Amino acid sequence: VQLQASGGGLVQAGASLSLSCTDSGRKLSTYGMGWFRQAPGKEREFVAAVNWSGGSTDYVDSVKGRFTISRDSAKNTVTLQMNSLRPEDTAVYYCAASRFPVSAREVFDYHYWGQGTLVTVSS
């Protein structure tokens, strides 16, 4: 599995961004997928996850109601739609794939990681 994350950028508070994660060589449809983020000087933290079918999702409390994770098996893509962005959302965002087909929260539940994409939200 070689995950590629994209879609980061510099936006103002209140704006939206859509992050995408895909793998050109392997179908992601059997993997649980997640997004994590890491701000400077902080540990990597869970943001959102989706199970293999897309029928179950999970979010950290701080993004509930603002972020939406979804997957498109036909496009082999997992998307994190981020609305109402805040300066505290600034971080490098990583997509990850788990061999467990569930929506998992822990870093150690994930076996493959993308390279990260930077999201910067200015106030």
C-alpha atoms as a PDB file:
ATOM      1  CA  VAL A   1       0.000   0.000   0.000  1.00  0.00           C
ATOM      2  CA  GLN A   2       1.379   3.403  -0.998  1.00  0.00           C
ATOM      3  CA  LEU A   3      -0.932   6.150   0.100  1.00  0.00           C
ATOM      4  CA  GLN A   4      -0.871   9.573  -1.452  1.00  0.00           C
ATOM      5  CA  ALA A   5      -2.514  12.461   0.372  1.00  0.00           C
ATOM      6  CA  SER A   6      -3.284  15.755  -1.297  1.00  0.00           C
ATOM      7  CA  GLY A   7      -5.398  18.869  -0.990  1.00  0.00           C
ATOM      8  CA  GLY A   8      -3.702  20.813   1.769  1.00  0.00           C
ATOM      9  CA  GLY A   9      -3.091  24.519   1.572  1.00  0.00           C
ATOM     10  CA  LEU A  10      -3.281  27.909   3.228  1.00  0.00           C
ATOM     11  CA  VAL A  11      -6.757  29.231   3.974  1.00  0.00           C
ATOM     12  CA  GLN A  12      -8.410  31.756   6.229  1.00  0.00           C
ATOM     13  CA  ALA A  13     -10.475  30.818   9.238  1.00  0.00           C
ATOM     14  CA  GLY A  14     -13.970  29.792   8.234  1.00  0.00           C
ATOM     15  CA  ALA A  15     -12.919  28.441   4.854  1.00  0.00           C
ATOM     16  CA  SER A  16     -13.137  24.868   3.566  1.00  0.00           C
ATOM     17  CA  LEU A  17     -10.646  22.376   2.226  1.00  0.00           C
ATOM     18  CA  SER A  18     -11.019  18.866   0.885  1.00  0.00           C
ATOM     19  CA  LEU A  19      -8.227  16.371   1.450  1.00  0.00           C
ATOM     20  CA  SER A  20      -7.944  13.272  -0.681  1.00  0.00           C
ATOM     21  CA  CYS A  21      -6.133  10.009  -0.114  1.00  0.00           C
ATOM     22  CA  THR A  22      -5.623   7.410  -2.777  1.00  0.00           C
ATOM     23  CA  ASP A  23      -3.404   4.479  -3.686  1.00  0.00           C
ATOM     24  CA  SER A  24      -2.472   3.925  -7.293  1.00  0.00           C
ATOM     25  CA  GLY A  25      -1.408   0.333  -6.850  1.00  0.00           C
ATOM     26  CA  ARG A  26      -3.865  -1.315  -4.481  1.00  0.00           C
ATOM     27  CA  LYS A  27      -7.584  -1.169  -3.865  1.00  0.00           C
ATOM     28  CA  LEU A  28      -8.399   0.382  -0.529  1.00  0.00           C
ATOM     29  CA  SER A  29     -11.892  -1.067  -0.329  1.00  0.00           C
ATOM     30  CA  THR A  30     -11.002  -3.718   2.263  1.00  0.00           C
ATOM     31  CA  TYR A  31      -9.118  -1.373   4.573  1.00  0.00           C
ATOM     32  CA  GLY A  32     -10.306   0.751   7.416  1.00  0.00           C
ATOM     33  CA  MET A  33      -9.152   4.280   6.638  1.00  0.00           C
ATOM     34  CA  GLY A  34      -8.301   7.181   8.865  1.00  0.00           C
ATOM     35  CA  TRP A  35      -7.039  10.721   8.943  1.00  0.00           C
ATOM     36  CA  PHE A  36      -4.647  11.949  11.606  1.00  0.00           C
ATOM     37  CA  ARG A  37      -2.930  15.266  12.097  1.00  0.00           C
ATOM     38  CA  GLN A  38       0.197  16.508  13.764  1.00  0.00           C
ATOM     39  CA  ALA A  39       0.771  20.111  14.755  1.00  0.00           C
ATOM     40  CA  PRO A  40       4.284  21.431  15.463  1.00  0.00           C
ATOM     41  CA  GLY A  41       5.515  20.203  18.815  1.00  0.00           C
ATOM     42  CA  LYS A  42       2.518  17.949  19.354  1.00  0.00           C
ATOM     43  CA  GLU A  43       1.818  14.270  19.033  1.00  0.00           C
ATOM     44  CA  ARG A  44      -0.048  12.851  16.107  1.00  0.00           C
ATOM     45  CA  GLU A  45      -3.750  12.806  16.874  1.00  0.00           C
ATOM     46  CA  PHE A  46      -6.756  11.043  15.478  1.00  0.00           C
ATOM     47  CA  VAL A  47      -9.137  13.134  13.372  1.00  0.00           C
ATOM     48  CA  ALA A  48     -11.569  10.834  11.579  1.00  0.00           C
ATOM     49  CA  ALA A  49     -11.986   7.267  10.438  1.00  0.00           C
ATOM     50  CA  VAL A  50     -14.249   5.234   8.203  1.00  0.00           C
ATOM     51  CA  ASN A  51     -14.773   1.497   8.020  1.00  0.00           C
ATOM     52  CA  TRP A  52     -14.337  -0.590   4.892  1.00  0.00           C
ATOM     53  CA  SER A  53     -17.878  -0.055   3.608  1.00  0.00           C
ATOM     54  CA  GLY A  54     -18.225   3.603   4.470  1.00  0.00           C
ATOM     55  CA  GLY A  55     -21.147   2.762   6.713  1.00  0.00           C
ATOM     56  CA  SER A  56     -19.416   3.611   9.962  1.00  0.00           C
ATOM     57  CA  THR A  57     -17.499   6.775  10.736  1.00  0.00           C
ATOM     58  CA  ASP A  58     -15.845   8.240  13.800  1.00  0.00           C
ATOM     59  CA  TYR A  59     -14.542  11.707  14.617  1.00  0.00           C
ATOM     60  CA  VAL A  60     -12.598  13.426  17.323  1.00  0.00           C
ATOM     61  CA  ASP A  61     -14.920  15.742  19.229  1.00  0.00           C
ATOM     62  CA  SER A  62     -13.174  18.908  18.063  1.00  0.00           C
ATOM     63  CA  VAL A  63     -14.125  18.313  14.411  1.00  0.00           C
ATOM     64  CA  LYS A  64     -17.583  16.841  14.769  1.00  0.00           C
ATOM     65  CA  GLY A  65     -20.079  18.785  12.702  1.00  0.00           C
ATOM     66  CA  ARG A  66     -17.293  20.440  10.678  1.00  0.00           C
ATOM     67  CA  PHE A  67     -15.411  17.564   9.051  1.00  0.00           C
ATOM     68  CA  THR A  68     -16.781  14.672   7.032  1.00  0.00           C
ATOM     69  CA  ILE A  69     -14.902  11.554   6.031  1.00  0.00           C
ATOM     70  CA  SER A  70     -16.121   9.511   3.097  1.00  0.00           C
ATOM     71  CA  ARG A  71     -14.856   6.948   0.653  1.00  0.00           C
ATOM     72  CA  ASP A  72     -15.462   6.231  -2.997  1.00  0.00           C
ATOM     73  CA  SER A  73     -14.511   2.700  -3.907  1.00  0.00           C
ATOM     74  CA  ALA A  74     -14.880   3.334  -7.626  1.00  0.00           C
ATOM     75  CA  LYS A  75     -12.288   6.116  -7.418  1.00  0.00           C
ATOM     76  CA  ASN A  76     -10.260   4.293  -4.746  1.00  0.00           C
ATOM     77  CA  THR A  77     -10.265   7.486  -2.750  1.00  0.00           C
ATOM     78  CA  VAL A  78     -10.943   8.567   0.812  1.00  0.00           C
ATOM     79  CA  THR A  79     -11.878  12.200   1.307  1.00  0.00           C
ATOM     80  CA  LEU A  80     -11.828  14.448   4.338  1.00  0.00           C
ATOM     81  CA  GLN A  81     -14.083  17.444   3.756  1.00  0.00           C
ATOM     82  CA  MET A  82     -13.154  20.164   6.207  1.00  0.00           C
ATOM     83  CA  ASN A  83     -15.513  23.087   6.715  1.00  0.00           C
ATOM     84  CA  SER A  84     -15.442  26.039   9.089  1.00  0.00           C
ATOM     85  CA  LEU A  85     -11.712  25.662   9.532  1.00  0.00           C
ATOM     86  CA  ARG A  86     -10.084  27.170  12.607  1.00  0.00           C
ATOM     87  CA  PRO A  87      -6.491  28.176  13.291  1.00  0.00           C
ATOM     88  CA  GLU A  88      -6.220  25.251  15.704  1.00  0.00           C
ATOM     89  CA  ASP A  89      -6.808  22.896  12.761  1.00  0.00           C
ATOM     90  CA  THR A  90      -3.389  23.860  11.420  1.00  0.00           C
ATOM     91  CA  ALA A  91      -1.289  20.705  11.108  1.00  0.00           C
ATOM     92  CA  VAL A  92       0.158  18.177   8.752  1.00  0.00           C
ATOM     93  CA  TYR A  93      -2.647  15.781   7.892  1.00  0.00           C
ATOM     94  CA  TYR A  94      -1.901  12.117   7.273  1.00  0.00           C
ATOM     95  CA  CYS A  95      -4.099   9.470   5.785  1.00  0.00           C
ATOM     96  CA  ALA A  96      -3.660   5.932   6.997  1.00  0.00           C
ATOM     97  CA  ALA A  97      -4.904   2.469   6.138  1.00  0.00           C
ATOM     98  CA  SER A  98      -5.615  -0.321   8.550  1.00  0.00           C
ATOM     99  CA  ARG A  99      -5.745  -3.997   7.731  1.00  0.00           C
ATOM    100  CA  PHE A 100      -8.663  -4.073  10.167  1.00  0.00           C
ATOM    101  CA  PRO A 101     -11.789  -3.135   8.180  1.00  0.00           C
ATOM    102  CA  VAL A 102     -13.169  -0.985  10.981  1.00  0.00           C
ATOM    103  CA  SER A 103     -12.994   2.707  11.840  1.00  0.00           C
ATOM    104  CA  ALA A 104     -10.132   2.790  14.339  1.00  0.00           C
ATOM    105  CA  ARG A 105      -8.828   5.663  16.473  1.00  0.00           C
ATOM    106  CA  GLU A 106      -5.373   4.579  17.525  1.00  0.00           C
ATOM    107  CA  VAL A 107      -2.162   5.169  15.623  1.00  0.00           C
ATOM    108  CA  PHE A 108      -1.085   1.606  16.309  1.00  0.00           C
ATOM    109  CA  ASP A 109      -4.205   0.257  14.575  1.00  0.00           C
ATOM    110  CA  TYR A 110      -2.919   1.548  11.244  1.00  0.00           C
ATOM    111  CA  HIS A 111      -0.371  -0.243   9.122  1.00  0.00           C
ATOM    112  CA  TYR A 112       0.227   2.119   6.207  1.00  0.00           C
ATOM    113  CA  TRP A 113       0.708   5.880   6.159  1.00  0.00           C
ATOM    114  CA  GLY A 114       0.749   8.538   3.494  1.00  0.00           C
ATOM    115  CA  GLN A 115       3.327  11.290   3.337  1.00  0.00           C
ATOM    116  CA  GLY A 116       1.165  14.040   4.837  1.00  0.00           C
ATOM    117  CA  THR A 117      -0.262  17.244   3.480  1.00  0.00           C
ATOM    118  CA  LEU A 118       0.026  20.598   5.237  1.00  0.00           C
ATOM    119  CA  VAL A 119      -3.083  22.539   6.216  1.00  0.00           C
ATOM    120  CA  THR A 120      -2.545  26.064   7.479  1.00  0.00           C
ATOM    121  CA  VAL A 121      -5.468  28.125   8.733  1.00  0.00           C
ATOM    122  CA  SER A 122      -4.846  31.800   9.337  1.00  0.00           C
ATOM    123  CA  SER A 123      -6.912  33.897  11.714  1.00  0.00           C
END
